[in-house]
PDB file of N, CA and C in Angstrom:
ATOM      1  N   MET A   1       0.833  -1.185   0.000  1.00  0.00           N
ATOM      2  CA  MET A   1       0.000   0.000   0.000  1.00  0.00           C
ATOM      3  C   MET A   1       0.874   1.244   0.000  1.00  0.00           C
ATOM      4  N   LEU A   2       0.398   2.284  -0.683  1.00  0.00           N
ATOM      5  CA  LEU A   2       1.152   3.529  -0.739  1.00  0.00           C
ATOM      6  C   LEU A   2       0.978   4.326   0.543  1.00  0.00           C
ATOM      7  N   ASP A   3       2.076   4.803   1.090  1.00  0.00           N
ATOM      8  CA  ASP A   3       2.001   5.660   2.267  1.00  0.00           C
ATOM      9  C   ASP A   3       1.571   7.069   1.890  1.00  0.00           C
ATOM     10  N   ASP A   4       2.019   7.538   0.725  1.00  0.00           N
ATOM     11  CA  ASP A   4       1.727   8.889   0.276  1.00  0.00           C
ATOM     12  C   ASP A   4       1.037   8.806  -1.080  1.00  0.00           C
ATOM     13  N   LEU A   5      -0.275   8.966  -1.077  1.00  0.00           N
ATOM     14  CA  LEU A   5      -1.040   8.834  -2.312  1.00  0.00           C
ATOM     15  C   LEU A   5      -0.783   9.957  -3.304  1.00  0.00           C
ATOM     16  N   SER A   6      -0.122  11.021  -2.887  1.00  0.00           N
ATOM     17  CA  SER A   6       0.152  12.115  -3.815  1.00  0.00           C
ATOM     18  C   SER A   6       0.974  11.647  -5.007  1.00  0.00           C
ATOM     19  N   SER A   7       1.737  10.579  -4.863  1.00  0.00           N
ATOM     20  CA  SER A   7       2.560  10.091  -5.974  1.00  0.00           C
ATOM     21  C   SER A   7       1.719   9.609  -7.156  1.00  0.00           C
ATOM     22  N   ILE A   8       0.447   9.379  -6.935  1.00  0.00           N
ATOM     23  CA  ILE A   8      -0.453   9.046  -8.039  1.00  0.00           C
ATOM     24  C   ILE A   8      -0.673  10.283  -8.897  1.00  0.00           C
ATOM     25  N   TRP A   9      -0.712  11.452  -8.269  1.00  0.00           N
ATOM     26  CA  TRP A   9      -1.068  12.699  -8.958  1.00  0.00           C
ATOM     27  C   TRP A   9       0.121  13.505  -9.432  1.00  0.00           C
ATOM     28  N   TYR A  10       1.228  13.450  -8.691  1.00  0.00           N
ATOM     29  CA  TYR A  10       2.414  14.208  -9.100  1.00  0.00           C
ATOM     30  C   TYR A  10       3.673  13.611  -8.488  1.00  0.00           C
ATOM     31  N   THR A  11       4.809  13.975  -9.086  1.00  0.00           N
ATOM     32  CA  THR A  11       6.108  13.598  -8.543  1.00  0.00           C
ATOM     33  C   THR A  11       6.775  14.868  -8.018  1.00  0.00           C
ATOM     34  N   LYS A  12       7.703  14.682  -7.059  1.00  0.00           N
ATOM     35  CA  LYS A  12       8.441  15.814  -6.498  1.00  0.00           C
ATOM     36  C   LYS A  12       9.924  15.637  -6.786  1.00  0.00           C
ATOM     37  N   ASP A  13      10.582  16.762  -7.100  1.00  0.00           N
ATOM     38  CA  ASP A  13      12.019  16.697  -7.294  1.00  0.00           C
ATOM     39  C   ASP A  13      12.725  17.029  -5.970  1.00  0.00           C
ATOM     40  N   ALA A  14      14.037  17.117  -6.009  1.00  0.00           N
ATOM     41  CA  ALA A  14      14.827  17.356  -4.799  1.00  0.00           C
ATOM     42  C   ALA A  14      14.531  18.710  -4.163  1.00  0.00           C
ATOM     43  N   GLU A  15      14.008  19.655  -4.948  1.00  0.00           N
ATOM     44  CA  GLU A  15      13.689  20.985  -4.427  1.00  0.00           C
ATOM     45  C   GLU A  15      12.211  21.122  -4.056  1.00  0.00           C
ATOM     46  N   ASP A  16      11.511  19.981  -3.986  1.00  0.00           N
ATOM     47  CA  ASP A  16      10.100  19.927  -3.602  1.00  0.00           C
ATOM     48  C   ASP A  16       9.180  20.575  -4.635  1.00  0.00           C
ATOM     49  N   ARG A  17       9.633  20.648  -5.889  1.00  0.00           N
ATOM     50  CA  ARG A  17       8.791  21.145  -6.958  1.00  0.00           C
ATOM     51  C   ARG A  17       8.072  19.949  -7.568  1.00  0.00           C
ATOM     52  N   ILE A  18       6.818  20.158  -7.955  1.00  0.00           N
ATOM     53  CA  ILE A  18       6.027  19.037  -8.444  1.00  0.00           C
ATOM     54  C   ILE A  18       5.864  19.075  -9.964  1.00  0.00           C
ATOM     55  N   THR A  19       5.678  17.877 -10.504  1.00  0.00           N
ATOM     56  CA  THR A  19       5.318  17.681 -11.906  1.00  0.00           C
ATOM     57  C   THR A  19       4.150  16.714 -11.895  1.00  0.00           C
ATOM     58  N   TYR A  20       3.046  17.116 -12.510  1.00  0.00           N
ATOM     59  CA  TYR A  20       1.865  16.263 -12.520  1.00  0.00           C
ATOM     60  C   TYR A  20       2.058  15.047 -13.414  1.00  0.00           C
ATOM     61  N   THR A  21       1.562  13.920 -12.939  1.00  0.00           N
ATOM     62  CA  THR A  21       1.545  12.705 -13.745  1.00  0.00           C
ATOM     63  C   THR A  21       0.405  12.818 -14.753  1.00  0.00           C
ATOM     64  N   LYS A  22       0.337  11.877 -15.656  1.00  0.00           N
ATOM     65  CA  LYS A  22      -0.764  11.856 -16.626  1.00  0.00           C
ATOM     66  C   LYS A  22      -2.101  11.798 -15.886  1.00  0.00           C
ATOM     67  N   SER A  23      -2.188  10.937 -14.891  1.00  0.00           N
ATOM     68  CA  SER A  23      -3.423  10.824 -14.105  1.00  0.00           C
ATOM     69  C   SER A  23      -3.738  12.133 -13.391  1.00  0.00           C
ATOM     70  N   GLY A  24      -2.728  12.769 -12.834  1.00  0.00           N
ATOM     71  CA  GLY A  24      -2.924  14.036 -12.145  1.00  0.00           C
ATOM     72  C   GLY A  24      -3.463  15.112 -13.076  1.00  0.00           C
ATOM     73  N   ARG A  25      -2.910  15.179 -14.284  1.00  0.00           N
ATOM     74  CA  ARG A  25      -3.389  16.156 -15.266  1.00  0.00           C
ATOM     75  C   ARG A  25      -4.830  15.858 -15.685  1.00  0.00           C
ATOM     76  N   GLU A  26      -5.128  14.584 -15.857  1.00  0.00           N
ATOM     77  CA  GLU A  26      -6.480  14.205 -16.289  1.00  0.00           C
ATOM     78  C   GLU A  26      -7.524  14.518 -15.212  1.00  0.00           C
ATOM     79  N   VAL A  27      -7.162  14.320 -13.951  1.00  0.00           N
ATOM     80  CA  VAL A  27      -8.106  14.545 -12.859  1.00  0.00           C
ATOM     81  C   VAL A  27      -8.152  16.018 -12.462  1.00  0.00           C
ATOM     82  N   TYR A  28      -6.994  16.588 -12.153  1.00  0.00           N
ATOM     83  CA  TYR A  28      -6.969  17.937 -11.609  1.00  0.00           C
ATOM     84  C   TYR A  28      -7.017  19.036 -12.664  1.00  0.00           C
ATOM     85  N   GLY A  29      -6.509  18.775 -13.842  1.00  0.00           N
ATOM     86  CA  GLY A  29      -6.503  19.797 -14.888  1.00  0.00           C
ATOM     87  C   GLY A  29      -7.872  20.405 -15.132  1.00  0.00           C
ATOM     88  N   PRO A  30      -8.878  19.601 -15.446  1.00  0.00           N
ATOM     89  CA  PRO A  30     -10.217  20.156 -15.695  1.00  0.00           C
ATOM     90  C   PRO A  30     -10.850  20.794 -14.455  1.00  0.00           C
ATOM     91  N   LEU A  31     -10.604  20.214 -13.283  1.00  0.00           N
ATOM     92  CA  LEU A  31     -11.167  20.780 -12.051  1.00  0.00           C
ATOM     93  C   LEU A  31     -10.607  22.177 -11.796  1.00  0.00           C
ATOM     94  N   PHE A  32      -9.292  22.312 -11.915  1.00  0.00           N
ATOM     95  CA  PHE A  32      -8.659  23.604 -11.686  1.00  0.00           C
ATOM     96  C   PHE A  32      -9.063  24.603 -12.770  1.00  0.00           C
ATOM     97  N   GLU A  33      -9.072  24.148 -14.002  1.00  0.00           N
ATOM     98  CA  GLU A  33      -9.419  25.029 -15.121  1.00  0.00           C
ATOM     99  C   GLU A  33     -10.825  25.602 -14.956  1.00  0.00           C
ATOM    100  N   ALA A  34     -11.737  24.805 -14.430  1.00  0.00           N
ATOM    101  CA  ALA A  34     -13.124  25.245 -14.251  1.00  0.00           C
ATOM    102  C   ALA A  34     -13.241  26.454 -13.325  1.00  0.00           C
ATOM    103  N   ILE A  35     -12.256  26.647 -12.448  1.00  0.00           N
ATOM    104  CA  ILE A  35     -12.308  27.810 -11.551  1.00  0.00           C
ATOM    105  C   ILE A  35     -11.186  28.807 -11.856  1.00  0.00           C
ATOM    106  N   GLY A  36     -10.557  28.639 -13.011  1.00  0.00           N
ATOM    107  CA  GLY A  36      -9.573  29.618 -13.459  1.00  0.00           C
ATOM    108  C   GLY A  36      -8.152  29.405 -12.989  1.00  0.00           C
ATOM    109  N   ILE A  37      -7.819  28.209 -12.583  1.00  0.00           N
ATOM    110  CA  ILE A  37      -6.449  27.905 -12.158  1.00  0.00           C
ATOM    111  C   ILE A  37      -5.759  27.109 -13.263  1.00  0.00           C
ATOM    112  N   ASN A  38      -4.599  27.585 -13.676  1.00  0.00           N
ATOM    113  CA  ASN A  38      -3.800  26.891 -14.684  1.00  0.00           C
ATOM    114  C   ASN A  38      -2.903  25.873 -13.985  1.00  0.00           C
ATOM    115  N   ILE A  39      -3.112  24.616 -14.257  1.00  0.00           N
ATOM    116  CA  ILE A  39      -2.339  23.550 -13.596  1.00  0.00           C
ATOM    117  C   ILE A  39      -0.835  23.703 -13.825  1.00  0.00           C
ATOM    118  N   ASP A  40      -0.455  24.301 -14.945  1.00  0.00           N
ATOM    119  CA  ASP A  40       0.968  24.472 -15.244  1.00  0.00           C
ATOM    120  C   ASP A  40       1.643  25.513 -14.348  1.00  0.00           C
ATOM    121  N   GLU A  41       0.852  26.307 -13.649  1.00  0.00           N
ATOM    122  CA  GLU A  41       1.412  27.309 -12.754  1.00  0.00           C
ATOM    123  C   GLU A  41       1.577  26.799 -11.329  1.00  0.00           C
ATOM    124  N   ILE A  42       1.124  25.603 -11.069  1.00  0.00           N
ATOM    125  CA  ILE A  42       1.257  24.999  -9.734  1.00  0.00           C
ATOM    126  C   ILE A  42       2.593  24.278  -9.683  1.00  0.00           C
ATOM    127  N   THR A  43       3.441  24.679  -8.729  1.00  0.00           N
ATOM    128  CA  THR A  43       4.791  24.120  -8.699  1.00  0.00           C
ATOM    129  C   THR A  43       5.183  23.473  -7.376  1.00  0.00           C
ATOM    130  N   THR A  44       4.351  23.603  -6.347  1.00  0.00           N
ATOM    131  CA  THR A  44       4.702  23.017  -5.052  1.00  0.00           C
ATOM    132  C   THR A  44       3.515  22.241  -4.485  1.00  0.00           C
ATOM    133  N   PRO A  45       3.767  21.327  -3.573  1.00  0.00           N
ATOM    134  CA  PRO A  45       2.661  20.623  -2.917  1.00  0.00           C
ATOM    135  C   PRO A  45       1.701  21.586  -2.212  1.00  0.00           C
ATOM    136  N   ALA A  46       2.230  22.642  -1.610  1.00  0.00           N
ATOM    137  CA  ALA A  46       1.360  23.606  -0.921  1.00  0.00           C
ATOM    138  C   ALA A  46       0.439  24.309  -1.912  1.00  0.00           C
ATOM    139  N   GLU A  47       0.957  24.665  -3.083  1.00  0.00           N
ATOM    140  CA  GLU A  47       0.119  25.288  -4.111  1.00  0.00           C
ATOM    141  C   GLU A  47      -0.945  24.306  -4.599  1.00  0.00           C
ATOM    142  N   HIS A  48      -0.570  23.048  -4.724  1.00  0.00           N
ATOM    143  CA  HIS A  48      -1.539  22.028  -5.135  1.00  0.00           C
ATOM    144  C   HIS A  48      -2.656  21.934  -4.093  1.00  0.00           C
ATOM    145  N   GLU A  49      -2.287  21.868  -2.824  1.00  0.00           N
ATOM    146  CA  GLU A  49      -3.290  21.765  -1.757  1.00  0.00           C
ATOM    147  C   GLU A  49      -4.212  22.981  -1.755  1.00  0.00           C
ATOM    148  N   GLU A  50      -3.656  24.170  -1.981  1.00  0.00           N
ATOM    149  CA  GLU A  50      -4.486  25.375  -2.028  1.00  0.00           C
ATOM    150  C   GLU A  50      -5.421  25.345  -3.236  1.00  0.00           C
ATOM    151  N   ALA A  51      -4.951  24.854  -4.369  1.00  0.00           N
ATOM    152  CA  ALA A  51      -5.804  24.752  -5.559  1.00  0.00           C
ATOM    153  C   ALA A  51      -6.947  23.768  -5.320  1.00  0.00           C
ATOM    154  N   VAL A  52      -6.654  22.671  -4.649  1.00  0.00           N
ATOM    155  CA  VAL A  52      -7.704  21.706  -4.311  1.00  0.00           C
ATOM    156  C   VAL A  52      -8.716  22.359  -3.370  1.00  0.00           C
ATOM    157  N   ALA A  53      -8.239  23.065  -2.351  1.00  0.00           N
ATOM    158  CA  ALA A  53      -9.134  23.728  -1.403  1.00  0.00           C
ATOM    159  C   ALA A  53      -9.981  24.787  -2.106  1.00  0.00           C
ATOM    160  N   ALA A  54      -9.387  25.539  -3.022  1.00  0.00           N
ATOM    161  CA  ALA A  54     -10.135  26.557  -3.767  1.00  0.00           C
ATOM    162  C   ALA A  54     -11.204  25.910  -4.637  1.00  0.00           C
ATOM    163  N   THR A  55     -10.887  24.770  -5.209  1.00  0.00           N
ATOM    164  CA  THR A  55     -11.856  24.045  -6.035  1.00  0.00           C
ATOM    165  C   THR A  55     -13.036  23.587  -5.183  1.00  0.00           C
ATOM    166  N   VAL A  56     -12.748  23.048  -4.018  1.00  0.00           N
ATOM    167  CA  VAL A  56     -13.814  22.592  -3.123  1.00  0.00           C
ATOM    168  C   VAL A  56     -14.672  23.780  -2.676  1.00  0.00           C
ATOM    169  N   ARG A  57     -14.023  24.877  -2.291  1.00  0.00           N
ATOM    170  CA  ARG A  57     -14.785  26.066  -1.878  1.00  0.00           C
ATOM    171  C   ARG A  57     -15.712  26.539  -2.998  1.00  0.00           C
ATOM    172  N   GLU A  58     -15.207  26.580  -4.208  1.00  0.00           N
ATOM    173  CA  GLU A  58     -16.011  27.044  -5.345  1.00  0.00           C
ATOM    174  C   GLU A  58     -17.173  26.098  -5.616  1.00  0.00           C
ATOM    175  N   LYS A  59     -16.919  24.806  -5.553  1.00  0.00           N
ATOM    176  CA  LYS A  59     -17.991  23.828  -5.773  1.00  0.00           C
ATOM    177  C   LYS A  59     -19.069  23.949  -4.689  1.00  0.00           C
ATOM    178  N   LEU A  60     -18.656  24.138  -3.445  1.00  0.00           N
ATOM    179  CA  LEU A  60     -19.627  24.305  -2.362  1.00  0.00           C
ATOM    180  C   LEU A  60     -20.433  25.589  -2.535  1.00  0.00           C
ATOM    181  N   LYS A  61     -19.772  26.658  -2.928  1.00  0.00           N
ATOM    182  CA  LYS A  61     -20.455  27.931  -3.153  1.00  0.00           C
ATOM    183  C   LYS A  61     -21.477  27.798  -4.279  1.00  0.00           C
ATOM    184  N   THR A  62     -21.093  27.123  -5.337  1.00  0.00           N
ATOM    185  CA  THR A  62     -21.999  26.907  -6.476  1.00  0.00           C
ATOM    186  C   THR A  62     -23.194  26.068  -6.042  1.00  0.00           C
ATOM    187  N   ARG A  63     -22.943  25.043  -5.255  1.00  0.00           N
ATOM    188  CA  ARG A  63     -24.012  24.163  -4.782  1.00  0.00           C
ATOM    189  C   ARG A  63     -25.017  24.940  -3.917  1.00  0.00           C
ATOM    190  N   ARG A  64     -24.512  25.808  -3.053  1.00  0.00           N
ATOM    191  CA  ARG A  64     -25.380  26.593  -2.158  1.00  0.00           C
ATOM    192  C   ARG A  64     -26.241  27.595  -2.918  1.00  0.00           C
ATOM    193  N   ASN A  65     -25.730  28.064  -4.059  1.00  0.00           N
ATOM    194  CA  ASN A  65     -26.442  29.083  -4.833  1.00  0.00           C
ATOM    195  C   ASN A  65     -27.449  28.499  -5.804  1.00  0.00           C
ATOM    196  N   ARG A  66     -27.690  27.223  -5.765  1.00  0.00           N
ATOM    197  CA  ARG A  66     -28.676  26.613  -6.675  1.00  0.00           C
ATOM    198  C   ARG A  66     -30.078  26.932  -6.263  1.00  0.00           C
TER     199      ARG A  66
END
């Protein structure tokens, strides 16, 4: 079993910069794009986590406004 599931979505280099895997681009690319985030501008795990949180916030806001 994987201890850190983030390796499914991206790899990290020695400087903690991330590169999205094919699966990561397929899953997160459209989600981020839908709220105006360019996946190519995300370079660190912290930025990835913030983009995920922003996506969730936007989805919740949209759901509440229905």
